[in-house]
Amino acid sequence: MIAYLDASAIVKLYISEQGSELVRDALSRAETAGTSIISRAEVAAAIAKAVRVRIIPKAAAQSALRRFSREWADLLRLPLSEALVTRAASLAWDHHLRGYDSVQLASALAFSEMLGSAVTMITFDRPLAASAVNTGLDVLPPK
């Protein structure tokens, strides 16, 4: 399996919550794993939010963020380009997606096209997952 992780999946590697085991298991089976470079900002923001809403203490969040920063290089990071953002804009319109979700979807599709192989998108964002299925990607977790 070739895995594409959006930020909602990556966060589960650093904050233990429902779905964390699924992500770890999928990564252990993946030949390769990629994400958009925007995931770095999205994951940092999600970890900071976890502190604000008191899901985890600040010290645990700082530790999670340091670990994430060390492991960031383990993911194949898909760059942004004018063409990718243009595609994301079309996907946002066609699928009623939020901005970064449309970038994640465009990146996953570009990843699949670049590799010439099926990609499984790992996401816990329901609208994004539905759009990924509608564009032909495999998705975890299944509906």
N, C-alpha and C. Protein backbone atom coordinates (compact mmCIF):
# COMPACT_ATOMS: atom_id res chain seq x y z
N MET A 1 0.84 -1.18 0.00
CA MET A 1 0.00 0.00 0.00
C MET A 1 0.89 1.25 0.00
N ILE A 2 0.45 2.23 -0.75
CA ILE A 2 1.08 3.55 -0.73
C ILE A 2 0.10 4.45 0.02
N ALA A 3 0.59 5.06 1.09
CA ALA A 3 -0.27 5.85 1.97
C ALA A 3 -0.06 7.34 1.76
N TYR A 4 -1.16 8.07 1.77
CA TYR A 4 -1.13 9.52 1.80
C TYR A 4 -1.85 9.91 3.09
N LEU A 5 -1.17 10.63 3.96
CA LEU A 5 -1.75 11.04 5.23
C LEU A 5 -2.07 12.53 5.21
N ASP A 6 -3.30 12.87 5.57
CA ASP A 6 -3.56 14.28 5.78
C ASP A 6 -3.23 14.60 7.24
N ALA A 7 -3.38 15.84 7.62
CA ALA A 7 -2.99 16.26 8.98
C ALA A 7 -3.81 15.54 10.05
N SER A 8 -5.07 15.26 9.79
CA SER A 8 -5.89 14.59 10.80
C SER A 8 -5.36 13.20 11.12
N ALA A 9 -4.72 12.56 10.16
CA ALA A 9 -4.12 11.25 10.38
C ALA A 9 -2.76 11.38 11.08
N ILE A 10 -1.97 12.34 10.64
CA ILE A 10 -0.63 12.51 11.23
C ILE A 10 -0.73 12.85 12.72
N VAL A 11 -1.67 13.68 13.08
CA VAL A 11 -1.84 14.08 14.49
C VAL A 11 -2.03 12.85 15.37
N LYS A 12 -2.71 11.85 14.86
CA LYS A 12 -2.99 10.65 15.64
C LYS A 12 -1.73 9.85 15.96
N LEU A 13 -0.63 10.15 15.30
CA LEU A 13 0.65 9.53 15.63
C LEU A 13 1.29 10.18 16.86
N TYR A 14 0.84 11.37 17.19
CA TYR A 14 1.47 12.15 18.26
C TYR A 14 0.56 12.43 19.44
N ILE A 15 -0.73 12.33 19.22
CA ILE A 15 -1.72 12.46 20.29
C ILE A 15 -2.55 11.19 20.24
N SER A 16 -2.50 10.42 21.29
CA SER A 16 -3.22 9.15 21.32
C SER A 16 -4.72 9.41 21.42
N GLU A 17 -5.44 8.95 20.41
CA GLU A 17 -6.89 9.12 20.38
C GLU A 17 -7.47 8.05 19.47
N GLN A 18 -8.78 8.02 19.37
CA GLN A 18 -9.42 7.03 18.51
C GLN A 18 -8.86 7.16 17.09
N GLY A 19 -8.42 6.05 16.55
CA GLY A 19 -7.85 6.04 15.20
C GLY A 19 -6.33 5.98 15.19
N SER A 20 -5.70 6.24 16.33
CA SER A 20 -4.23 6.23 16.38
C SER A 20 -3.67 4.87 15.98
N GLU A 21 -4.26 3.80 16.48
CA GLU A 21 -3.76 2.46 16.16
C GLU A 21 -3.94 2.14 14.68
N LEU A 22 -5.05 2.55 14.10
CA LEU A 22 -5.29 2.33 12.67
C LEU A 22 -4.19 3.00 11.84
N VAL A 23 -3.82 4.23 12.20
CA VAL A 23 -2.78 4.95 11.45
C VAL A 23 -1.44 4.24 11.60
N ARG A 24 -1.10 3.86 12.81
CA ARG A 24 0.18 3.16 13.03
C ARG A 24 0.22 1.85 12.24
N ASP A 25 -0.86 1.11 12.26
CA ASP A 25 -0.93 -0.17 11.54
C ASP A 25 -0.80 0.06 10.04
N ALA A 26 -1.50 1.05 9.51
CA ALA A 26 -1.43 1.33 8.08
C ALA A 26 -0.01 1.73 7.68
N LEU A 27 0.63 2.54 8.50
CA LEU A 27 2.01 2.95 8.19
C LEU A 27 2.97 1.78 8.25
N SER A 28 2.73 0.84 9.14
CA SER A 28 3.63 -0.33 9.23
C SER A 28 3.52 -1.20 7.99
N ARG A 29 2.38 -1.14 7.30
CA ARG A 29 2.17 -1.93 6.08
C ARG A 29 2.49 -1.16 4.80
N ALA A 30 2.67 0.13 4.91
CA ALA A 30 2.85 0.97 3.72
C ALA A 30 4.25 0.82 3.14
N GLU A 31 4.30 0.75 1.82
CA GLU A 31 5.59 0.77 1.12
C GLU A 31 6.23 2.14 1.23
N THR A 32 5.40 3.15 1.13
CA THR A 32 5.85 4.53 1.27
C THR A 32 4.68 5.35 1.79
N ALA A 33 4.99 6.50 2.37
CA ALA A 33 3.95 7.37 2.92
C ALA A 33 4.30 8.81 2.58
N GLY A 34 3.31 9.56 2.15
CA GLY A 34 3.52 10.95 1.79
C GLY A 34 2.45 11.84 2.36
N THR A 35 2.72 13.14 2.28
CA THR A 35 1.76 14.15 2.72
C THR A 35 2.12 15.46 2.03
N SER A 36 1.24 16.42 2.10
CA SER A 36 1.51 17.76 1.59
C SER A 36 2.37 18.52 2.59
N ILE A 37 3.19 19.42 2.10
CA ILE A 37 4.01 20.22 3.01
C ILE A 37 3.14 21.08 3.94
N ILE A 38 1.91 21.36 3.56
CA ILE A 38 1.04 22.15 4.46
C ILE A 38 0.70 21.39 5.72
N SER A 39 0.86 20.06 5.69
CA SER A 39 0.55 19.26 6.88
C SER A 39 1.41 19.67 8.06
N ARG A 40 2.61 20.16 7.80
CA ARG A 40 3.48 20.56 8.91
C ARG A 40 2.82 21.66 9.73
N ALA A 41 2.27 22.66 9.08
CA ALA A 41 1.58 23.74 9.78
C ALA A 41 0.28 23.26 10.39
N GLU A 42 -0.45 22.42 9.67
CA GLU A 42 -1.72 21.92 10.18
C GLU A 42 -1.53 21.06 11.44
N VAL A 43 -0.52 20.21 11.44
CA VAL A 43 -0.28 19.35 12.60
C VAL A 43 0.15 20.20 13.80
N ALA A 44 1.04 21.16 13.58
CA ALA A 44 1.45 22.04 14.68
C ALA A 44 0.25 22.79 15.25
N ALA A 45 -0.62 23.26 14.39
CA ALA A 45 -1.82 23.97 14.84
C ALA A 45 -2.75 23.04 15.62
N ALA A 46 -2.89 21.80 15.17
CA ALA A 46 -3.76 20.85 15.87
C ALA A 46 -3.22 20.50 17.24
N ILE A 47 -1.90 20.34 17.34
CA ILE A 47 -1.30 20.04 18.64
C ILE A 47 -1.47 21.24 19.58
N ALA A 48 -1.29 22.45 19.07
CA ALA A 48 -1.50 23.65 19.89
C ALA A 48 -2.96 23.75 20.34
N LYS A 49 -3.89 23.41 19.45
CA LYS A 49 -5.31 23.45 19.82
C LYS A 49 -5.61 22.42 20.91
N ALA A 50 -4.96 21.26 20.85
CA ALA A 50 -5.16 20.24 21.88
C ALA A 50 -4.81 20.77 23.26
N VAL A 51 -3.82 21.66 23.32
CA VAL A 51 -3.47 22.29 24.59
C VAL A 51 -4.55 23.30 24.98
N ARG A 52 -4.95 24.13 24.04
CA ARG A 52 -5.97 25.16 24.32
C ARG A 52 -7.27 24.57 24.84
N VAL A 53 -7.68 23.43 24.28
CA VAL A 53 -8.95 22.83 24.70
C VAL A 53 -8.75 21.76 25.78
N ARG A 54 -7.54 21.71 26.30
CA ARG A 54 -7.17 20.87 27.45
C ARG A 54 -7.32 19.37 27.20
N ILE A 55 -6.97 18.96 25.99
CA ILE A 55 -6.92 17.53 25.70
C ILE A 55 -5.62 16.94 26.23
N ILE A 56 -4.54 17.71 26.09
CA ILE A 56 -3.24 17.29 26.61
C ILE A 56 -2.56 18.49 27.28
N PRO A 57 -1.70 18.21 28.25
CA PRO A 57 -0.98 19.31 28.89
C PRO A 57 0.09 19.90 27.96
N LYS A 58 0.48 21.11 28.25
CA LYS A 58 1.44 21.82 27.40
C LYS A 58 2.75 21.05 27.25
N ALA A 59 3.27 20.48 28.33
CA ALA A 59 4.54 19.75 28.26
C ALA A 59 4.43 18.55 27.32
N ALA A 60 3.31 17.84 27.36
CA ALA A 60 3.10 16.70 26.47
C ALA A 60 3.00 17.17 25.02
N ALA A 61 2.36 18.30 24.82
CA ALA A 61 2.23 18.84 23.46
C ALA A 61 3.59 19.26 22.92
N GLN A 62 4.40 19.89 23.75
CA GLN A 62 5.73 20.29 23.31
C GLN A 62 6.58 19.07 22.95
N SER A 63 6.46 18.02 23.73
CA SER A 63 7.17 16.77 23.44
C SER A 63 6.67 16.17 22.12
N ALA A 64 5.36 16.17 21.93
CA ALA A 64 4.78 15.65 20.68
C ALA A 64 5.26 16.46 19.49
N LEU A 65 5.30 17.76 19.63
CA LEU A 65 5.74 18.62 18.54
C LEU A 65 7.22 18.39 18.21
N ARG A 66 8.05 18.20 19.23
CA ARG A 66 9.47 17.90 18.98
C ARG A 66 9.62 16.57 18.24
N ARG A 67 8.86 15.56 18.66
CA ARG A 67 8.92 14.26 18.00
C ARG A 67 8.45 14.36 16.55
N PHE A 68 7.35 15.09 16.35
CA PHE A 68 6.84 15.31 14.99
C PHE A 68 7.91 15.99 14.13
N SER A 69 8.55 16.99 14.66
CA SER A 69 9.59 17.70 13.89
C SER A 69 10.74 16.77 13.52
N ARG A 70 11.13 15.90 14.43
CA ARG A 70 12.21 14.93 14.13
C ARG A 70 11.78 13.93 13.06
N GLU A 71 10.52 13.51 13.10
CA GLU A 71 10.04 12.47 12.19
C GLU A 71 9.49 13.00 10.87
N TRP A 72 9.37 14.31 10.76
CA TRP A 72 8.83 14.94 9.55
C TRP A 72 9.56 14.45 8.30
N ALA A 73 10.87 14.32 8.38
CA ALA A 73 11.67 13.91 7.22
C ALA A 73 11.38 12.48 6.78
N ASP A 74 10.72 11.69 7.63
CA ASP A 74 10.39 10.31 7.26
C ASP A 74 9.26 10.23 6.23
N LEU A 75 8.50 11.30 6.11
CA LEU A 75 7.40 11.35 5.14
C LEU A 75 7.88 11.95 3.82
N LEU A 76 7.40 11.40 2.73
CA LEU A 76 7.64 12.03 1.44
C LEU A 76 6.75 13.28 1.44
N ARG A 77 7.34 14.44 1.26
CA ARG A 77 6.61 15.70 1.37
C ARG A 77 6.35 16.27 -0.01
N LEU A 78 5.07 16.39 -0.35
CA LEU A 78 4.68 16.88 -1.66
C LEU A 78 4.64 18.41 -1.65
N PRO A 79 5.35 19.03 -2.58
CA PRO A 79 5.41 20.49 -2.59
C PRO A 79 4.14 21.11 -3.18
N LEU A 80 3.97 22.38 -2.87
CA LEU A 80 2.91 23.16 -3.50
C LEU A 80 3.45 23.78 -4.77
N SER A 81 2.58 23.94 -5.73
CA SER A 81 2.93 24.63 -6.96
C SER A 81 1.69 25.37 -7.43
N GLU A 82 1.88 26.26 -8.37
CA GLU A 82 0.73 26.99 -8.92
C GLU A 82 -0.29 26.01 -9.51
N ALA A 83 0.19 25.00 -10.22
CA ALA A 83 -0.71 24.01 -10.83
C ALA A 83 -1.48 23.24 -9.76
N LEU A 84 -0.80 22.85 -8.68
CA LEU A 84 -1.48 22.09 -7.63
C LEU A 84 -2.53 22.96 -6.94
N VAL A 85 -2.20 24.20 -6.68
CA VAL A 85 -3.16 25.10 -6.02
C VAL A 85 -4.35 25.39 -6.95
N THR A 86 -4.09 25.50 -8.24
CA THR A 86 -5.18 25.67 -9.20
C THR A 86 -6.11 24.46 -9.18
N ARG A 87 -5.51 23.28 -9.15
CA ARG A 87 -6.31 22.05 -9.07
C ARG A 87 -7.09 22.02 -7.75
N ALA A 88 -6.45 22.41 -6.67
CA ALA A 88 -7.11 22.45 -5.37
C ALA A 88 -8.31 23.40 -5.40
N ALA A 89 -8.16 24.53 -6.07
CA ALA A 89 -9.27 25.49 -6.17
C ALA A 89 -10.46 24.86 -6.88
N SER A 90 -10.20 24.12 -7.94
CA SER A 90 -11.28 23.43 -8.65
C SER A 90 -11.93 22.37 -7.77
N LEU A 91 -11.10 21.62 -7.05
CA LEU A 91 -11.63 20.59 -6.16
C LEU A 91 -12.45 21.21 -5.03
N ALA A 92 -12.01 22.35 -4.52
CA ALA A 92 -12.76 23.04 -3.46
C ALA A 92 -14.16 23.41 -3.96
N TRP A 93 -14.21 23.92 -5.16
CA TRP A 93 -15.48 24.32 -5.75
C TRP A 93 -16.37 23.11 -6.03
N ASP A 94 -15.78 22.11 -6.71
CA ASP A 94 -16.56 20.94 -7.14
C ASP A 94 -17.03 20.07 -5.97
N HIS A 95 -16.24 20.01 -4.90
CA HIS A 95 -16.55 19.11 -3.79
C HIS A 95 -16.93 19.84 -2.50
N HIS A 96 -17.04 21.16 -2.58
CA HIS A 96 -17.44 21.96 -1.40
C HIS A 96 -16.48 21.75 -0.23
N LEU A 97 -15.18 21.75 -0.53
CA LEU A 97 -14.16 21.52 0.49
C LEU A 97 -13.60 22.83 1.03
N ARG A 98 -13.09 22.78 2.25
CA ARG A 98 -12.33 23.89 2.80
C ARG A 98 -11.01 23.98 2.06
N GLY A 99 -10.34 25.12 2.18
CA GLY A 99 -9.12 25.37 1.42
C GLY A 99 -8.03 24.34 1.60
N TYR A 100 -7.60 24.11 2.84
CA TYR A 100 -6.51 23.16 3.05
C TYR A 100 -6.95 21.74 2.72
N ASP A 101 -8.22 21.40 2.93
CA ASP A 101 -8.69 20.07 2.55
C ASP A 101 -8.57 19.87 1.04
N SER A 102 -8.86 20.91 0.29
CA SER A 102 -8.75 20.78 -1.17
C SER A 102 -7.29 20.63 -1.59
N VAL A 103 -6.38 21.26 -0.86
CA VAL A 103 -4.94 21.10 -1.14
C VAL A 103 -4.52 19.68 -0.80
N GLN A 104 -5.01 19.14 0.30
CA GLN A 104 -4.69 17.76 0.67
C GLN A 104 -5.17 16.80 -0.41
N LEU A 105 -6.39 16.99 -0.89
CA LEU A 105 -6.92 16.11 -1.92
C LEU A 105 -6.14 16.24 -3.22
N ALA A 106 -5.84 17.46 -3.63
CA ALA A 106 -5.06 17.66 -4.85
C ALA A 106 -3.68 17.02 -4.71
N SER A 107 -3.08 17.11 -3.54
CA SER A 107 -1.77 16.50 -3.30
C SER A 107 -1.84 14.99 -3.38
N ALA A 108 -2.87 14.39 -2.79
CA ALA A 108 -3.02 12.94 -2.83
C ALA A 108 -3.21 12.46 -4.26
N LEU A 109 -4.02 13.18 -5.03
CA LEU A 109 -4.22 12.82 -6.44
C LEU A 109 -2.93 12.96 -7.23
N ALA A 110 -2.20 14.02 -6.99
CA ALA A 110 -0.92 14.23 -7.68
C ALA A 110 0.08 13.14 -7.30
N PHE A 111 0.08 12.72 -6.04
CA PHE A 111 0.95 11.66 -5.56
C PHE A 111 0.66 10.37 -6.32
N SER A 112 -0.61 10.04 -6.45
CA SER A 112 -1.01 8.84 -7.18
C SER A 112 -0.58 8.92 -8.64
N GLU A 113 -0.79 10.06 -9.25
CA GLU A 113 -0.41 10.24 -10.66
C GLU A 113 1.11 10.19 -10.83
N MET A 114 1.84 10.80 -9.90
CA MET A 114 3.29 10.82 -9.95
C MET A 114 3.86 9.40 -9.88
N LEU A 115 3.27 8.57 -9.01
CA LEU A 115 3.75 7.21 -8.83
C LEU A 115 3.16 6.24 -9.85
N GLY A 116 2.07 6.65 -10.50
CA GLY A 116 1.39 5.76 -11.43
C GLY A 116 0.81 4.55 -10.72
N SER A 117 0.35 4.78 -9.49
CA SER A 117 -0.12 3.68 -8.66
C SER A 117 -1.26 4.17 -7.77
N ALA A 118 -2.04 3.22 -7.29
CA ALA A 118 -3.13 3.55 -6.37
C ALA A 118 -2.55 4.07 -5.05
N VAL A 119 -3.22 5.05 -4.49
CA VAL A 119 -2.83 5.63 -3.21
C VAL A 119 -4.02 5.51 -2.27
N THR A 120 -3.73 5.15 -1.04
CA THR A 120 -4.75 5.12 0.00
C THR A 120 -4.61 6.37 0.85
N MET A 121 -5.66 7.19 0.84
CA MET A 121 -5.65 8.40 1.64
C MET A 121 -6.14 8.06 3.05
N ILE A 122 -5.33 8.42 4.04
CA ILE A 122 -5.73 8.21 5.43
C ILE A 122 -6.15 9.56 5.97
N THR A 123 -7.44 9.66 6.29
CA THR A 123 -8.00 10.90 6.78
C THR A 123 -9.16 10.61 7.71
N PHE A 124 -9.34 11.46 8.70
CA PHE A 124 -10.46 11.34 9.62
C PHE A 124 -11.42 12.51 9.43
N ASP A 125 -11.25 13.23 8.35
CA ASP A 125 -12.11 14.34 7.97
C ASP A 125 -13.16 13.77 7.01
N ARG A 126 -14.40 13.70 7.45
CA ARG A 126 -15.44 13.03 6.66
C ARG A 126 -15.69 13.67 5.29
N PRO A 127 -15.84 15.00 5.19
CA PRO A 127 -16.05 15.56 3.85
C PRO A 127 -14.86 15.30 2.92
N LEU A 128 -13.65 15.38 3.45
CA LEU A 128 -12.47 15.10 2.64
C LEU A 128 -12.45 13.63 2.22
N ALA A 129 -12.78 12.73 3.13
CA ALA A 129 -12.81 11.30 2.80
C ALA A 129 -13.83 11.02 1.70
N ALA A 130 -15.00 11.61 1.80
CA ALA A 130 -16.03 11.40 0.78
C ALA A 130 -15.56 11.91 -0.58
N SER A 131 -14.92 13.06 -0.58
CA SER A 131 -14.40 13.62 -1.84
C SER A 131 -13.29 12.75 -2.40
N ALA A 132 -12.44 12.22 -1.54
CA ALA A 132 -11.36 11.34 -1.99
C ALA A 132 -11.94 10.10 -2.67
N VAL A 133 -12.96 9.51 -2.06
CA VAL A 133 -13.62 8.35 -2.67
C VAL A 133 -14.21 8.73 -4.02
N ASN A 134 -14.85 9.89 -4.08
CA ASN A 134 -15.48 10.34 -5.33
C ASN A 134 -14.48 10.62 -6.45
N THR A 135 -13.23 10.86 -6.08
CA THR A 135 -12.20 11.10 -7.11
C THR A 135 -11.38 9.85 -7.40
N GLY A 136 -11.78 8.71 -6.81
CA GLY A 136 -11.15 7.44 -7.14
C GLY A 136 -10.06 6.96 -6.20
N LEU A 137 -9.84 7.66 -5.10
CA LEU A 137 -8.82 7.20 -4.14
C LEU A 137 -9.42 6.19 -3.19
N ASP A 138 -8.57 5.27 -2.73
CA ASP A 138 -8.95 4.41 -1.62
C ASP A 138 -8.82 5.24 -0.36
N VAL A 139 -9.62 4.96 0.65
CA VAL A 139 -9.61 5.77 1.87
C VAL A 139 -9.64 4.88 3.10
N LEU A 140 -8.84 5.26 4.07
CA LEU A 140 -8.89 4.68 5.41
C LEU A 140 -9.16 5.80 6.40
N PRO A 141 -9.93 5.58 7.45
CA PRO A 141 -10.67 4.36 7.68
C PRO A 141 -11.86 4.27 6.72
N PRO A 142 -12.31 3.05 6.46
CA PRO A 142 -13.48 2.91 5.58
C PRO A 142 -14.70 3.53 6.26
N LYS A 143 -15.69 3.87 5.45
CA LYS A 143 -16.91 4.48 6.00
C LYS A 143 -17.54 3.60 7.04
